[in-house]
């Protein structure tokens, strides 16, 4: 199942559009983060795991 969510990110007082796409499968758990994520996004693996 694939889910897409549109949102807005903030950089200072400027906004920019972002889109998050999540795909779920049955089986062993894994996480792949693509693009240029911030360090807090990269650290989310430990918080979600």
PDB file of N, CA and C in Angstrom:
ATOM      1  N   UNK A   1       0.844  -1.163   0.000  1.00  0.00           N
ATOM      2  CA  UNK A   1       0.000   0.000   0.000  1.00  0.00           C
ATOM      3  C   UNK A   1       0.900   1.240   0.000  1.00  0.00           C
ATOM      4  N   UNK A   2       0.600   2.197  -0.848  1.00  0.00           N
ATOM      5  CA  UNK A   2       1.355   3.436  -0.923  1.00  0.00           C
ATOM      6  C   UNK A   2       0.463   4.603  -0.516  1.00  0.00           C
ATOM      7  N   UNK A   3       0.998   5.478   0.337  1.00  0.00           N
ATOM      8  CA  UNK A   3       0.271   6.662   0.792  1.00  0.00           C
ATOM      9  C   UNK A   3       1.140   7.876   0.523  1.00  0.00           C
ATOM     10  N   UNK A   4       0.545   8.944  -0.044  1.00  0.00           N
ATOM     11  CA  UNK A   4       1.256  10.200  -0.285  1.00  0.00           C
ATOM     12  C   UNK A   4       0.600  11.302   0.538  1.00  0.00           C
ATOM     13  N   UNK A   5       1.427  12.101   1.210  1.00  0.00           N
ATOM     14  CA  UNK A   5       0.950  13.207   2.030  1.00  0.00           C
ATOM     15  C   UNK A   5       1.658  14.469   1.571  1.00  0.00           C
ATOM     16  N   UNK A   6       0.896  15.517   1.289  1.00  0.00           N
ATOM     17  CA  UNK A   6       1.468  16.818   0.929  1.00  0.00           C
ATOM     18  C   UNK A   6       1.432  17.720   2.147  1.00  0.00           C
ATOM     19  N   UNK A   7       2.489  18.505   2.319  1.00  0.00           N
ATOM     20  CA  UNK A   7       2.577  19.395   3.468  1.00  0.00           C
ATOM     21  C   UNK A   7       3.430  20.600   3.095  1.00  0.00           C
ATOM     22  N   UNK A   8       3.738  21.416   4.082  1.00  0.00           N
ATOM     23  CA  UNK A   8       4.552  22.610   3.882  1.00  0.00           C
ATOM     24  C   UNK A   8       5.679  22.583   4.902  1.00  0.00           C
ATOM     25  N   UNK A   9       6.898  22.834   4.452  1.00  0.00           N
ATOM     26  CA  UNK A   9       8.039  22.956   5.338  1.00  0.00           C
ATOM     27  C   UNK A   9       8.379  24.427   5.518  1.00  0.00           C
ATOM     28  N   UNK A  10       9.007  24.745   6.625  1.00  0.00           N
ATOM     29  CA  UNK A  10       9.384  26.128   6.902  1.00  0.00           C
ATOM     30  C   UNK A  10      10.896  26.253   6.999  1.00  0.00           C
ATOM     31  N   UNK A  11      11.421  27.296   6.378  1.00  0.00           N
ATOM     32  CA  UNK A  11      12.828  27.651   6.503  1.00  0.00           C
ATOM     33  C   UNK A  11      12.843  29.135   6.816  1.00  0.00           C
ATOM     34  N   UNK A  12      13.004  29.438   8.102  1.00  0.00           N
ATOM     35  CA  UNK A  12      12.847  30.827   8.527  1.00  0.00           C
ATOM     36  C   UNK A  12      11.383  31.207   8.399  1.00  0.00           C
ATOM     37  N   UNK A  13      11.112  32.277   7.663  1.00  0.00           N
ATOM     38  CA  UNK A  13       9.734  32.695   7.433  1.00  0.00           C
ATOM     39  C   UNK A  13       9.226  32.272   6.067  1.00  0.00           C
ATOM     40  N   UNK A  14      10.052  31.573   5.303  1.00  0.00           N
ATOM     41  CA  UNK A  14       9.646  31.132   3.969  1.00  0.00           C
ATOM     42  C   UNK A  14       9.116  29.701   4.026  1.00  0.00           C
ATOM     43  N   UNK A  15       8.137  29.434   3.188  1.00  0.00           N
ATOM     44  CA  UNK A  15       7.560  28.098   3.139  1.00  0.00           C
ATOM     45  C   UNK A  15       7.898  27.424   1.816  1.00  0.00           C
ATOM     46  N   UNK A  16       7.897  26.105   1.825  1.00  0.00           N
ATOM     47  CA  UNK A  16       8.111  25.344   0.604  1.00  0.00           C
ATOM     48  C   UNK A  16       7.282  24.069   0.689  1.00  0.00           C
ATOM     49  N   UNK A  17       6.830  23.587  -0.456  1.00  0.00           N
ATOM     50  CA  UNK A  17       5.997  22.394  -0.506  1.00  0.00           C
ATOM     51  C   UNK A  17       6.855  21.148  -0.376  1.00  0.00           C
ATOM     52  N   UNK A  18       6.341  20.170   0.379  1.00  0.00           N
ATOM     53  CA  UNK A  18       7.002  18.877   0.482  1.00  0.00           C
ATOM     54  C   UNK A  18       5.958  17.779   0.259  1.00  0.00           C
ATOM     55  N   UNK A  19       6.415  16.633  -0.192  1.00  0.00           N
ATOM     56  CA  UNK A  19       5.540  15.474  -0.360  1.00  0.00           C
ATOM     57  C   UNK A  19       6.241  14.265   0.236  1.00  0.00           C
ATOM     58  N   UNK A  20       5.533  13.560   1.111  1.00  0.00           N
ATOM     59  CA  UNK A  20       6.062  12.368   1.758  1.00  0.00           C
ATOM     60  C   UNK A  20       5.314  11.174   1.193  1.00  0.00           C
ATOM     61  N   UNK A  21       6.061  10.160   0.761  1.00  0.00           N
ATOM     62  CA  UNK A  21       5.462   8.938   0.220  1.00  0.00           C
ATOM     63  C   UNK A  21       5.911   7.762   1.067  1.00  0.00           C
ATOM     64  N   UNK A  22       4.934   6.982   1.539  1.00  0.00           N
ATOM     65  CA  UNK A  22       5.212   5.831   2.384  1.00  0.00           C
ATOM     66  C   UNK A  22       4.643   4.595   1.711  1.00  0.00           C
ATOM     67  N   UNK A  23       5.451   3.549   1.681  1.00  0.00           N
ATOM     68  CA  UNK A  23       5.013   2.292   1.088  1.00  0.00           C
ATOM     69  C   UNK A  23       5.195   1.193   2.133  1.00  0.00           C
ATOM     70  N   UNK A  24       4.156   0.399   2.341  1.00  0.00           N
ATOM     71  CA  UNK A  24       4.156  -0.620   3.382  1.00  0.00           C
ATOM     72  C   UNK A  24       4.051  -2.013   2.759  1.00  0.00           C
ATOM     73  N   UNK A  25       4.886  -2.934   3.246  1.00  0.00           N
ATOM     74  CA  UNK A  25       4.885  -4.325   2.798  1.00  0.00           C
ATOM     75  C   UNK A  25       4.838  -5.231   4.024  1.00  0.00           C
ATOM     76  N   UNK A  26       4.352  -6.437   3.843  1.00  0.00           N
ATOM     77  CA  UNK A  26       4.461  -7.425   4.916  1.00  0.00           C
ATOM     78  C   UNK A  26       5.829  -8.097   4.793  1.00  0.00           C
ATOM     79  N   UNK A  27       6.386  -8.515   5.915  1.00  0.00           N
ATOM     80  CA  UNK A  27       7.696  -9.149   5.902  1.00  0.00           C
ATOM     81  C   UNK A  27       8.642  -8.447   6.858  1.00  0.00           C
ATOM     82  N   UNK A  28       9.952  -8.649   6.694  1.00  0.00           N
ATOM     83  CA  UNK A  28      10.939  -8.020   7.586  1.00  0.00           C
ATOM     84  C   UNK A  28      10.856  -6.495   7.505  1.00  0.00           C
ATOM     85  N   UNK A  29      11.064  -5.839   8.650  1.00  0.00           N
ATOM     86  CA  UNK A  29      10.982  -4.383   8.719  1.00  0.00           C
ATOM     87  C   UNK A  29      12.268  -3.736   8.220  1.00  0.00           C
ATOM     88  N   UNK A  30      12.136  -2.667   7.464  1.00  0.00           N
ATOM     89  CA  UNK A  30      13.286  -1.875   7.030  1.00  0.00           C
ATOM     90  C   UNK A  30      12.800  -0.477   6.704  1.00  0.00           C
ATOM     91  N   UNK A  31      13.723   0.471   6.635  1.00  0.00           N
ATOM     92  CA  UNK A  31      13.383   1.850   6.335  1.00  0.00           C
ATOM     93  C   UNK A  31      14.426   2.414   5.384  1.00  0.00           C
ATOM     94  N   UNK A  32      13.975   3.056   4.312  1.00  0.00           N
ATOM     95  CA  UNK A  32      14.871   3.693   3.357  1.00  0.00           C
ATOM     96  C   UNK A  32      14.461   5.156   3.257  1.00  0.00           C
ATOM     97  N   UNK A  33      15.391   6.054   3.522  1.00  0.00           N
ATOM     98  CA  UNK A  33      15.141   7.491   3.419  1.00  0.00           C
ATOM     99  C   UNK A  33      15.932   7.990   2.220  1.00  0.00           C
ATOM    100  N   UNK A  34      15.237   8.613   1.256  1.00  0.00           N
ATOM    101  CA  UNK A  34      15.899   9.117   0.056  1.00  0.00           C
ATOM    102  C   UNK A  34      15.838  10.636   0.040  1.00  0.00           C
ATOM    103  N   UNK A  35      16.663  11.254  -0.772  1.00  0.00           N
ATOM    104  CA  UNK A  35      16.687  12.706  -0.877  1.00  0.00           C
ATOM    105  C   UNK A  35      17.774  13.275   0.010  1.00  0.00           C
ATOM    106  N   UNK A  36      17.588  14.493   0.437  1.00  0.00           N
ATOM    107  CA  UNK A  36      18.552  15.183   1.295  1.00  0.00           C
ATOM    108  C   UNK A  36      17.900  15.517   2.635  1.00  0.00           C
ATOM    109  N   UNK A  37      17.676  14.494   3.492  1.00  0.00           N
ATOM    110  CA  UNK A  37      16.988  14.747   4.755  1.00  0.00           C
ATOM    111  C   UNK A  37      17.869  15.465   5.764  1.00  0.00           C
ATOM    112  N   UNK A  38      17.245  16.170   6.659  1.00  0.00           N
ATOM    113  CA  UNK A  38      17.911  16.838   7.773  1.00  0.00           C
ATOM    114  C   UNK A  38      18.401  15.774   8.758  1.00  0.00           C
ATOM    115  N   UNK A  39      19.306  16.125   9.638  1.00  0.00           N
ATOM    116  CA  UNK A  39      19.843  15.161  10.611  1.00  0.00           C
ATOM    117  C   UNK A  39      18.746  14.603  11.499  1.00  0.00           C
ATOM    118  N   UNK A  40      17.733  15.404  11.845  1.00  0.00           N
ATOM    119  CA  UNK A  40      16.647  14.904  12.694  1.00  0.00           C
ATOM    120  C   UNK A  40      15.841  13.818  11.984  1.00  0.00           C
ATOM    121  N   UNK A  41      15.733  13.898  10.657  1.00  0.00           N
ATOM    122  CA  UNK A  41      15.025  12.858   9.896  1.00  0.00           C
ATOM    123  C   UNK A  41      15.859  11.588   9.874  1.00  0.00           C
ATOM    124  N   UNK A  42      17.163  11.724   9.703  1.00  0.00           N
ATOM    125  CA  UNK A  42      18.035  10.551   9.707  1.00  0.00           C
ATOM    126  C   UNK A  42      17.997   9.847  11.060  1.00  0.00           C
ATOM    127  N   UNK A  43      17.875  10.610  12.157  1.00  0.00           N
ATOM    128  CA  UNK A  43      17.823  10.034  13.501  1.00  0.00           C
ATOM    129  C   UNK A  43      16.484   9.373  13.792  1.00  0.00           C
ATOM    130  N   UNK A  44      15.491   9.574  12.958  1.00  0.00           N
ATOM    131  CA  UNK A  44      14.160   9.014  13.208  1.00  0.00           C
ATOM    132  C   UNK A  44      14.176   7.488  13.156  1.00  0.00           C
ATOM    133  N   UNK A  45      15.146   6.892  12.518  1.00  0.00           N
ATOM    134  CA  UNK A  45      15.241   5.424  12.485  1.00  0.00           C
ATOM    135  C   UNK A  45      15.265   4.847  13.892  1.00  0.00           C
ATOM    136  N   UNK A  46      16.028   5.474  14.805  1.00  0.00           N
ATOM    137  CA  UNK A  46      16.104   4.987  16.173  1.00  0.00           C
ATOM    138  C   UNK A  46      14.803   5.248  16.922  1.00  0.00           C
ATOM    139  N   UNK A  47      14.151   6.373  16.669  1.00  0.00           N
ATOM    140  CA  UNK A  47      12.911   6.695  17.371  1.00  0.00           C
ATOM    141  C   UNK A  47      11.766   5.794  16.919  1.00  0.00           C
ATOM    142  N   UNK A  48      11.743   5.418  15.643  1.00  0.00           N
ATOM    143  CA  UNK A  48      10.648   4.582  15.121  1.00  0.00           C
ATOM    144  C   UNK A  48      10.897   3.099  15.292  1.00  0.00           C
ATOM    145  N   UNK A  49      12.151   2.701  15.398  1.00  0.00           N
ATOM    146  CA  UNK A  49      12.517   1.287  15.434  1.00  0.00           C
ATOM    147  C   UNK A  49      12.236   0.587  16.680  1.00  0.00           C
TER     148      UNK A  49
END
